[in-house]
Structures are given as C-alpha cells and as structure tokens.
Amino acid sequence: MAWIQLITLLSLIQFIGFGFLVAKARGTYGIKAPATTGHEIFERYYRVHMNTLETLVVFVPALWIAAHYWSPYWVAALGAVYLIGRIVYLRGYVADPKRRSAGYALSFLPVIGLVLAGAVGVVRSLLLS
C-alpha cells in the first residue's frame, strides 16, 4: 500500500503546488483577495486549481477503494497517469484554454477507471460474502 500512499501524497502536494501558482498569479496580476476574477491568466490558474479540487475529491477515495480490491501497483499506475494528466492540463489550460482537453482526459479517465474498479470490487465482495 506504500505506492497508494505515495500517489495520495503526491496528489496532495500537487494540489498545494497549484495553490502556490494561484497565489503567485494573484500577486503578479494584482488580484486582491477575495477576488477570483480580474486578469485572464490569473483566472486560468485559478480554474486549474479549482478543477483539480473538484477531481481530487473523487480521485482519492476511488484510489483507496480500488486498491483494496485490486493490485496496488496497477492502481498506483493509474494514479500516476492522473498526476501526469493534471500537469498536462495545467500547462495546456494556462497557455490556451482550448488546449486543456488532452490533459483533462488524461486525468479524468483514470478517475473513471478507479471508480469502476472500486465498484466492481465492492460488488464482487458483496456477492461472494
């Protein structure tokens, strides 16, 4: 389970890092809290951070549930794809919001896979008990 713990920690560190990027953009573009609008580049960083939060709330539990029923190595590999996808999403979205799709797919598809893997594991366990 150490691989699952590592992926979980990396996803949290990544989220914190995205938060620092939002703070840096806030300073760079003079956006005073609590405003969340005001400069297009700041808004892109902010949306990446918030979208990551929206995805993270499903990713972490799905990761742990799937790892309970399936090989933690394969589950962690899906988690690693998620992490890479979030970086691709960040880079694409900040450069041009129209370029966010590949990164979004690369991070969202593993989440769907983890949710499905967890659901299959739970159902199998219930049927076999």
N, C-alpha and C. Protein backbone atom coordinates (compact mmCIF):
# COMPACT_ATOMS: atom_id res chain seq x y z
N MET A 1 0.81 -1.21 0.00
CA MET A 1 0.00 0.00 0.00
C MET A 1 0.85 1.27 0.00
N ALA A 2 2.15 1.10 0.13
CA ALA A 2 3.02 2.27 0.14
C ALA A 2 2.90 3.05 -1.18
N TRP A 3 2.68 2.35 -2.29
CA TRP A 3 2.53 3.04 -3.57
C TRP A 3 1.26 3.89 -3.59
N ILE A 4 0.22 3.37 -2.99
CA ILE A 4 -1.05 4.13 -2.93
C ILE A 4 -0.86 5.35 -2.03
N GLN A 5 -0.17 5.16 -0.93
CA GLN A 5 0.11 6.29 -0.04
C GLN A 5 0.95 7.33 -0.74
N LEU A 6 1.95 6.88 -1.51
CA LEU A 6 2.80 7.82 -2.25
C LEU A 6 1.99 8.62 -3.26
N ILE A 7 1.15 7.94 -4.04
CA ILE A 7 0.32 8.64 -5.03
C ILE A 7 -0.62 9.63 -4.35
N THR A 8 -1.18 9.22 -3.21
CA THR A 8 -2.06 10.13 -2.47
C THR A 8 -1.29 11.37 -2.03
N LEU A 9 -0.11 11.18 -1.45
CA LEU A 9 0.70 12.32 -1.01
C LEU A 9 1.10 13.20 -2.19
N LEU A 10 1.49 12.59 -3.29
CA LEU A 10 1.86 13.38 -4.47
C LEU A 10 0.68 14.18 -5.00
N SER A 11 -0.51 13.60 -4.96
CA SER A 11 -1.69 14.35 -5.44
C SER A 11 -1.97 15.54 -4.52
N LEU A 12 -1.76 15.36 -3.22
CA LEU A 12 -1.96 16.48 -2.29
C LEU A 12 -0.89 17.55 -2.47
N ILE A 13 0.35 17.10 -2.66
CA ILE A 13 1.45 18.05 -2.89
C ILE A 13 1.21 18.81 -4.19
N GLN A 14 0.75 18.11 -5.21
CA GLN A 14 0.45 18.75 -6.48
C GLN A 14 -0.64 19.82 -6.30
N PHE A 15 -1.68 19.48 -5.55
CA PHE A 15 -2.77 20.43 -5.31
C PHE A 15 -2.24 21.67 -4.57
N ILE A 16 -1.41 21.46 -3.57
CA ILE A 16 -0.81 22.58 -2.84
C ILE A 16 0.05 23.42 -3.78
N GLY A 17 0.82 22.75 -4.64
CA GLY A 17 1.65 23.47 -5.61
C GLY A 17 0.81 24.32 -6.56
N PHE A 18 -0.31 23.77 -7.00
CA PHE A 18 -1.21 24.55 -7.86
C PHE A 18 -1.74 25.76 -7.11
N GLY A 19 -1.97 25.59 -5.81
CA GLY A 19 -2.41 26.72 -4.98
C GLY A 19 -1.35 27.81 -4.92
N PHE A 20 -0.09 27.41 -4.82
CA PHE A 20 1.00 28.39 -4.83
C PHE A 20 1.06 29.13 -6.16
N LEU A 21 0.78 28.43 -7.25
CA LEU A 21 0.76 29.09 -8.56
C LEU A 21 -0.36 30.12 -8.63
N VAL A 22 -1.51 29.81 -8.02
CA VAL A 22 -2.61 30.77 -7.96
C VAL A 22 -2.17 32.00 -7.16
N ALA A 23 -1.53 31.77 -6.02
CA ALA A 23 -1.07 32.88 -5.18
C ALA A 23 -0.06 33.75 -5.93
N LYS A 24 0.85 33.08 -6.65
CA LYS A 24 1.85 33.83 -7.42
C LYS A 24 1.16 34.66 -8.51
N ALA A 25 0.21 34.07 -9.22
CA ALA A 25 -0.53 34.80 -10.27
C ALA A 25 -1.33 35.94 -9.66
N ARG A 26 -1.87 35.72 -8.47
CA ARG A 26 -2.62 36.78 -7.78
C ARG A 26 -1.72 37.99 -7.58
N GLY A 27 -0.49 37.74 -7.11
CA GLY A 27 0.47 38.83 -6.90
C GLY A 27 0.94 39.45 -8.21
N THR A 28 1.25 38.62 -9.17
CA THR A 28 1.75 39.10 -10.47
C THR A 28 0.75 40.01 -11.15
N TYR A 29 -0.53 39.65 -11.09
CA TYR A 29 -1.55 40.41 -11.81
C TYR A 29 -2.35 41.34 -10.92
N GLY A 30 -1.95 41.48 -9.66
CA GLY A 30 -2.59 42.44 -8.76
C GLY A 30 -4.03 42.12 -8.42
N ILE A 31 -4.34 40.85 -8.25
CA ILE A 31 -5.70 40.45 -7.91
C ILE A 31 -5.77 40.30 -6.39
N LYS A 32 -6.47 41.20 -5.74
CA LYS A 32 -6.55 41.19 -4.28
C LYS A 32 -7.65 40.23 -3.82
N ALA A 33 -7.33 39.46 -2.79
CA ALA A 33 -8.32 38.54 -2.22
C ALA A 33 -9.48 39.35 -1.66
N PRO A 34 -10.68 38.90 -1.76
CA PRO A 34 -11.13 37.56 -2.17
C PRO A 34 -11.50 37.45 -3.65
N ALA A 35 -11.12 38.43 -4.47
CA ALA A 35 -11.50 38.40 -5.88
C ALA A 35 -10.98 37.14 -6.57
N THR A 36 -11.77 36.62 -7.49
CA THR A 36 -11.36 35.45 -8.27
C THR A 36 -11.40 35.75 -9.76
N THR A 37 -11.55 37.02 -10.09
CA THR A 37 -11.52 37.45 -11.48
C THR A 37 -10.69 38.72 -11.57
N GLY A 38 -10.31 39.07 -12.78
CA GLY A 38 -9.61 40.33 -12.95
C GLY A 38 -8.53 40.29 -14.01
N HIS A 39 -7.89 39.16 -14.21
CA HIS A 39 -6.91 39.01 -15.27
C HIS A 39 -7.03 37.59 -15.82
N GLU A 40 -7.04 37.49 -17.12
CA GLU A 40 -7.30 36.20 -17.76
C GLU A 40 -6.32 35.10 -17.34
N ILE A 41 -5.05 35.41 -17.24
CA ILE A 41 -4.07 34.38 -16.85
C ILE A 41 -4.28 33.95 -15.40
N PHE A 42 -4.53 34.92 -14.52
CA PHE A 42 -4.85 34.55 -13.13
C PHE A 42 -6.05 33.62 -13.10
N GLU A 43 -7.09 33.95 -13.85
CA GLU A 43 -8.32 33.15 -13.86
C GLU A 43 -8.05 31.73 -14.36
N ARG A 44 -7.13 31.57 -15.28
CA ARG A 44 -6.78 30.24 -15.77
C ARG A 44 -6.13 29.41 -14.67
N TYR A 45 -5.17 30.02 -13.96
CA TYR A 45 -4.55 29.30 -12.84
C TYR A 45 -5.58 28.94 -11.78
N TYR A 46 -6.45 29.88 -11.50
CA TYR A 46 -7.49 29.65 -10.50
C TYR A 46 -8.40 28.50 -10.92
N ARG A 47 -8.81 28.47 -12.19
CA ARG A 47 -9.69 27.39 -12.67
C ARG A 47 -8.99 26.03 -12.64
N VAL A 48 -7.71 26.01 -12.98
CA VAL A 48 -6.96 24.75 -12.89
C VAL A 48 -6.97 24.24 -11.45
N HIS A 49 -6.73 25.14 -10.52
CA HIS A 49 -6.70 24.77 -9.10
C HIS A 49 -8.06 24.26 -8.65
N MET A 50 -9.12 24.98 -9.00
CA MET A 50 -10.46 24.56 -8.58
C MET A 50 -10.90 23.27 -9.27
N ASN A 51 -10.56 23.12 -10.55
CA ASN A 51 -10.91 21.88 -11.25
C ASN A 51 -10.16 20.70 -10.65
N THR A 52 -8.92 20.94 -10.23
CA THR A 52 -8.15 19.88 -9.58
C THR A 52 -8.81 19.49 -8.27
N LEU A 53 -9.30 20.44 -7.51
CA LEU A 53 -10.02 20.14 -6.27
C LEU A 53 -11.27 19.32 -6.57
N GLU A 54 -12.00 19.74 -7.59
CA GLU A 54 -13.23 19.04 -7.97
C GLU A 54 -12.94 17.58 -8.35
N THR A 55 -11.82 17.35 -8.97
CA THR A 55 -11.44 16.00 -9.39
C THR A 55 -10.83 15.21 -8.23
N LEU A 56 -10.05 15.90 -7.41
CA LEU A 56 -9.36 15.26 -6.29
C LEU A 56 -10.32 14.63 -5.29
N VAL A 57 -11.48 15.25 -5.11
CA VAL A 57 -12.46 14.75 -4.14
C VAL A 57 -13.02 13.39 -4.58
N VAL A 58 -12.95 13.07 -5.85
CA VAL A 58 -13.36 11.75 -6.34
C VAL A 58 -12.14 10.84 -6.44
N PHE A 59 -11.01 11.38 -6.89
CA PHE A 59 -9.80 10.60 -7.12
C PHE A 59 -9.30 9.88 -5.88
N VAL A 60 -9.14 10.59 -4.77
CA VAL A 60 -8.52 9.99 -3.58
C VAL A 60 -9.35 8.82 -3.03
N PRO A 61 -10.64 8.97 -2.78
CA PRO A 61 -11.39 7.80 -2.29
C PRO A 61 -11.42 6.66 -3.30
N ALA A 62 -11.55 6.99 -4.58
CA ALA A 62 -11.59 5.94 -5.60
C ALA A 62 -10.27 5.18 -5.64
N LEU A 63 -9.17 5.90 -5.49
CA LEU A 63 -7.84 5.28 -5.45
C LEU A 63 -7.75 4.25 -4.33
N TRP A 64 -8.18 4.64 -3.14
CA TRP A 64 -8.08 3.77 -1.98
C TRP A 64 -9.05 2.59 -2.05
N ILE A 65 -10.25 2.83 -2.53
CA ILE A 65 -11.21 1.74 -2.64
C ILE A 65 -10.74 0.73 -3.69
N ALA A 66 -10.29 1.21 -4.84
CA ALA A 66 -9.80 0.31 -5.88
C ALA A 66 -8.59 -0.48 -5.39
N ALA A 67 -7.71 0.16 -4.64
CA ALA A 67 -6.50 -0.52 -4.15
C ALA A 67 -6.83 -1.61 -3.14
N HIS A 68 -7.97 -1.51 -2.50
CA HIS A 68 -8.39 -2.55 -1.55
C HIS A 68 -8.73 -3.85 -2.28
N TYR A 69 -9.22 -3.75 -3.50
CA TYR A 69 -9.69 -4.92 -4.23
C TYR A 69 -8.78 -5.38 -5.36
N TRP A 70 -7.90 -4.53 -5.83
CA TRP A 70 -7.06 -4.84 -6.98
C TRP A 70 -5.60 -4.60 -6.63
N SER A 71 -4.72 -4.98 -7.51
CA SER A 71 -3.28 -4.82 -7.29
C SER A 71 -2.94 -3.35 -7.04
N PRO A 72 -2.34 -3.07 -5.88
CA PRO A 72 -1.96 -1.68 -5.60
C PRO A 72 -0.99 -1.11 -6.64
N TYR A 73 -0.21 -1.97 -7.28
CA TYR A 73 0.73 -1.49 -8.29
C TYR A 73 0.00 -0.93 -9.51
N TRP A 74 -1.03 -1.66 -9.97
CA TRP A 74 -1.80 -1.20 -11.12
C TRP A 74 -2.64 0.02 -10.77
N VAL A 75 -3.18 0.00 -9.58
CA VAL A 75 -3.98 1.14 -9.13
C VAL A 75 -3.09 2.38 -9.01
N ALA A 76 -1.89 2.21 -8.45
CA ALA A 76 -0.95 3.32 -8.34
C ALA A 76 -0.52 3.82 -9.72
N ALA A 77 -0.39 2.90 -10.67
CA ALA A 77 -0.04 3.30 -12.04
C ALA A 77 -1.13 4.20 -12.63
N LEU A 78 -2.40 3.84 -12.40
CA LEU A 78 -3.50 4.72 -12.84
C LEU A 78 -3.40 6.08 -12.15
N GLY A 79 -3.05 6.05 -10.87
CA GLY A 79 -2.88 7.29 -10.13
C GLY A 79 -1.76 8.15 -10.70
N ALA A 80 -0.68 7.51 -11.12
CA ALA A 80 0.43 8.25 -11.73
C ALA A 80 -0.01 8.90 -13.04
N VAL A 81 -0.83 8.21 -13.81
CA VAL A 81 -1.36 8.80 -15.05
C VAL A 81 -2.19 10.03 -14.71
N TYR A 82 -3.00 9.93 -13.65
CA TYR A 82 -3.79 11.07 -13.19
C TYR A 82 -2.87 12.27 -12.91
N LEU A 83 -1.80 12.04 -12.16
CA LEU A 83 -0.88 13.13 -11.80
C LEU A 83 -0.26 13.78 -13.03
N ILE A 84 0.15 12.96 -13.97
CA ILE A 84 0.73 13.49 -15.21
C ILE A 84 -0.34 14.27 -15.97
N GLY A 85 -1.54 13.74 -16.01
CA GLY A 85 -2.64 14.42 -16.68
C GLY A 85 -2.92 15.79 -16.11
N ARG A 86 -2.82 15.92 -14.79
CA ARG A 86 -3.07 17.23 -14.17
C ARG A 86 -2.00 18.24 -14.59
N ILE A 87 -0.77 17.79 -14.74
CA ILE A 87 0.30 18.69 -15.18
C ILE A 87 0.06 19.11 -16.63
N VAL A 88 -0.30 18.15 -17.47
CA VAL A 88 -0.61 18.45 -18.87
C VAL A 88 -1.80 19.43 -18.93
N TYR A 89 -2.80 19.20 -18.08
CA TYR A 89 -3.96 20.08 -18.02
C TYR A 89 -3.55 21.50 -17.64
N LEU A 90 -2.74 21.62 -16.60
CA LEU A 90 -2.25 22.94 -16.17
C LEU A 90 -1.55 23.67 -17.30
N ARG A 91 -0.60 23.00 -17.92
CA ARG A 91 0.18 23.64 -18.97
C ARG A 91 -0.70 24.04 -20.15
N GLY A 92 -1.59 23.15 -20.55
CA GLY A 92 -2.47 23.45 -21.68
C GLY A 92 -3.45 24.56 -21.38
N TYR A 93 -4.08 24.50 -20.22
CA TYR A 93 -5.11 25.48 -19.86
C TYR A 93 -4.51 26.88 -19.72
N VAL A 94 -3.36 26.98 -19.07
CA VAL A 94 -2.75 28.30 -18.87
C VAL A 94 -2.29 28.88 -20.22
N ALA A 95 -1.77 28.04 -21.10
CA ALA A 95 -1.32 28.53 -22.40
C ALA A 95 -2.51 28.98 -23.25
N ASP A 96 -3.56 28.15 -23.29
CA ASP A 96 -4.75 28.45 -24.08
C ASP A 96 -5.84 27.48 -23.63
N PRO A 97 -6.93 27.99 -23.04
CA PRO A 97 -7.98 27.10 -22.54
C PRO A 97 -8.47 26.06 -23.55
N LYS A 98 -8.36 26.35 -24.84
CA LYS A 98 -8.76 25.38 -25.85
C LYS A 98 -7.84 24.17 -25.87
N ARG A 99 -6.66 24.27 -25.24
CA ARG A 99 -5.69 23.17 -25.24
C ARG A 99 -5.76 22.35 -23.95
N ARG A 100 -6.84 22.44 -23.22
CA ARG A 100 -6.95 21.73 -21.96
C ARG A 100 -7.47 20.30 -22.10
N SER A 101 -8.04 19.97 -23.23
CA SER A 101 -8.75 18.70 -23.39
C SER A 101 -7.88 17.46 -23.18
N ALA A 102 -6.69 17.44 -23.74
CA ALA A 102 -5.82 16.26 -23.59
C ALA A 102 -5.48 16.03 -22.13
N GLY A 103 -5.10 17.07 -21.43
CA GLY A 103 -4.77 16.94 -20.01
C GLY A 103 -5.97 16.55 -19.18
N TYR A 104 -7.12 17.08 -19.54
CA TYR A 104 -8.33 16.72 -18.81
C TYR A 104 -8.64 15.24 -18.99
N ALA A 105 -8.58 14.78 -20.22
CA ALA A 105 -8.85 13.37 -20.49
C ALA A 105 -7.83 12.48 -19.79
N LEU A 106 -6.57 12.89 -19.83
CA LEU A 106 -5.50 12.10 -19.21
C LEU A 106 -5.63 12.02 -17.70
N SER A 107 -6.33 12.97 -17.10
CA SER A 107 -6.53 12.91 -15.65
C SER A 107 -7.92 12.40 -15.27
N PHE A 108 -8.91 12.62 -16.12
CA PHE A 108 -10.26 12.20 -15.78
C PHE A 108 -10.51 10.72 -16.07
N LEU A 109 -9.95 10.20 -17.15
CA LEU A 109 -10.16 8.79 -17.48
C LEU A 109 -9.62 7.84 -16.40
N PRO A 110 -8.45 8.10 -15.81
CA PRO A 110 -8.02 7.24 -14.70
C PRO A 110 -8.98 7.30 -13.51
N VAL A 111 -9.57 8.47 -13.27
CA VAL A 111 -10.53 8.58 -12.17
C VAL A 111 -11.74 7.69 -12.45
N ILE A 112 -12.24 7.75 -13.67
CA ILE A 112 -13.37 6.88 -14.04
C ILE A 112 -12.97 5.41 -13.89
N GLY A 113 -11.77 5.07 -14.34
CA GLY A 113 -11.28 3.70 -14.19
C GLY A 113 -11.21 3.26 -12.75
N LEU A 114 -10.75 4.15 -11.88
CA LEU A 114 -10.66 3.82 -10.45
C LEU A 114 -12.04 3.66 -9.83
N VAL A 115 -12.97 4.52 -10.19
CA VAL A 115 -14.33 4.41 -9.67
C VAL A 115 -14.95 3.08 -10.11
N LEU A 116 -14.79 2.74 -11.39
CA LEU A 116 -15.33 1.48 -11.89
C LEU A 116 -14.66 0.28 -11.23
N ALA A 117 -13.34 0.33 -11.09
CA ALA A 117 -12.61 -0.77 -10.44
C ALA A 117 -13.07 -0.94 -9.00
N GLY A 118 -13.24 0.17 -8.30
CA GLY A 118 -13.73 0.10 -6.93
C GLY A 118 -15.14 -0.46 -6.86
N ALA A 119 -16.00 -0.03 -7.77
CA ALA A 119 -17.39 -0.51 -7.78
C ALA A 119 -17.43 -2.01 -8.06
N VAL A 120 -16.65 -2.47 -9.02
CA VAL A 120 -16.61 -3.91 -9.32
C VAL A 120 -16.10 -4.68 -8.12
N GLY A 121 -15.06 -4.17 -7.48
CA GLY A 121 -14.52 -4.83 -6.29
C GLY A 121 -15.54 -4.94 -5.17
N VAL A 122 -16.26 -3.86 -4.92
CA VAL A 122 -17.27 -3.85 -3.86
C VAL A 122 -18.39 -4.83 -4.20
N VAL A 123 -18.89 -4.78 -5.41
CA VAL A 123 -19.99 -5.67 -5.81
C VAL A 123 -19.55 -7.14 -5.73
N ARG A 124 -18.37 -7.44 -6.22
CA ARG A 124 -17.86 -8.82 -6.13
C ARG A 124 -17.77 -9.27 -4.68
N SER A 125 -17.26 -8.39 -3.85
CA SER A 125 -17.13 -8.73 -2.43
C SER A 125 -18.48 -8.99 -1.79
N LEU A 126 -19.47 -8.17 -2.12
CA LEU A 126 -20.82 -8.36 -1.56
C LEU A 126 -21.45 -9.65 -2.06
N LEU A 127 -21.24 -9.97 -3.32
CA LEU A 127 -21.83 -11.19 -3.88
C LEU A 127 -21.17 -12.46 -3.36
N LEU A 128 -19.90 -12.35 -3.01
CA LEU A 128 -19.17 -13.52 -2.52
C LEU A 128 -19.27 -13.72 -1.01
N SER A 129 -19.86 -12.76 -0.34
CA SER A 129 -19.92 -12.89 1.13
C SER A 129 -21.24 -13.48 1.59
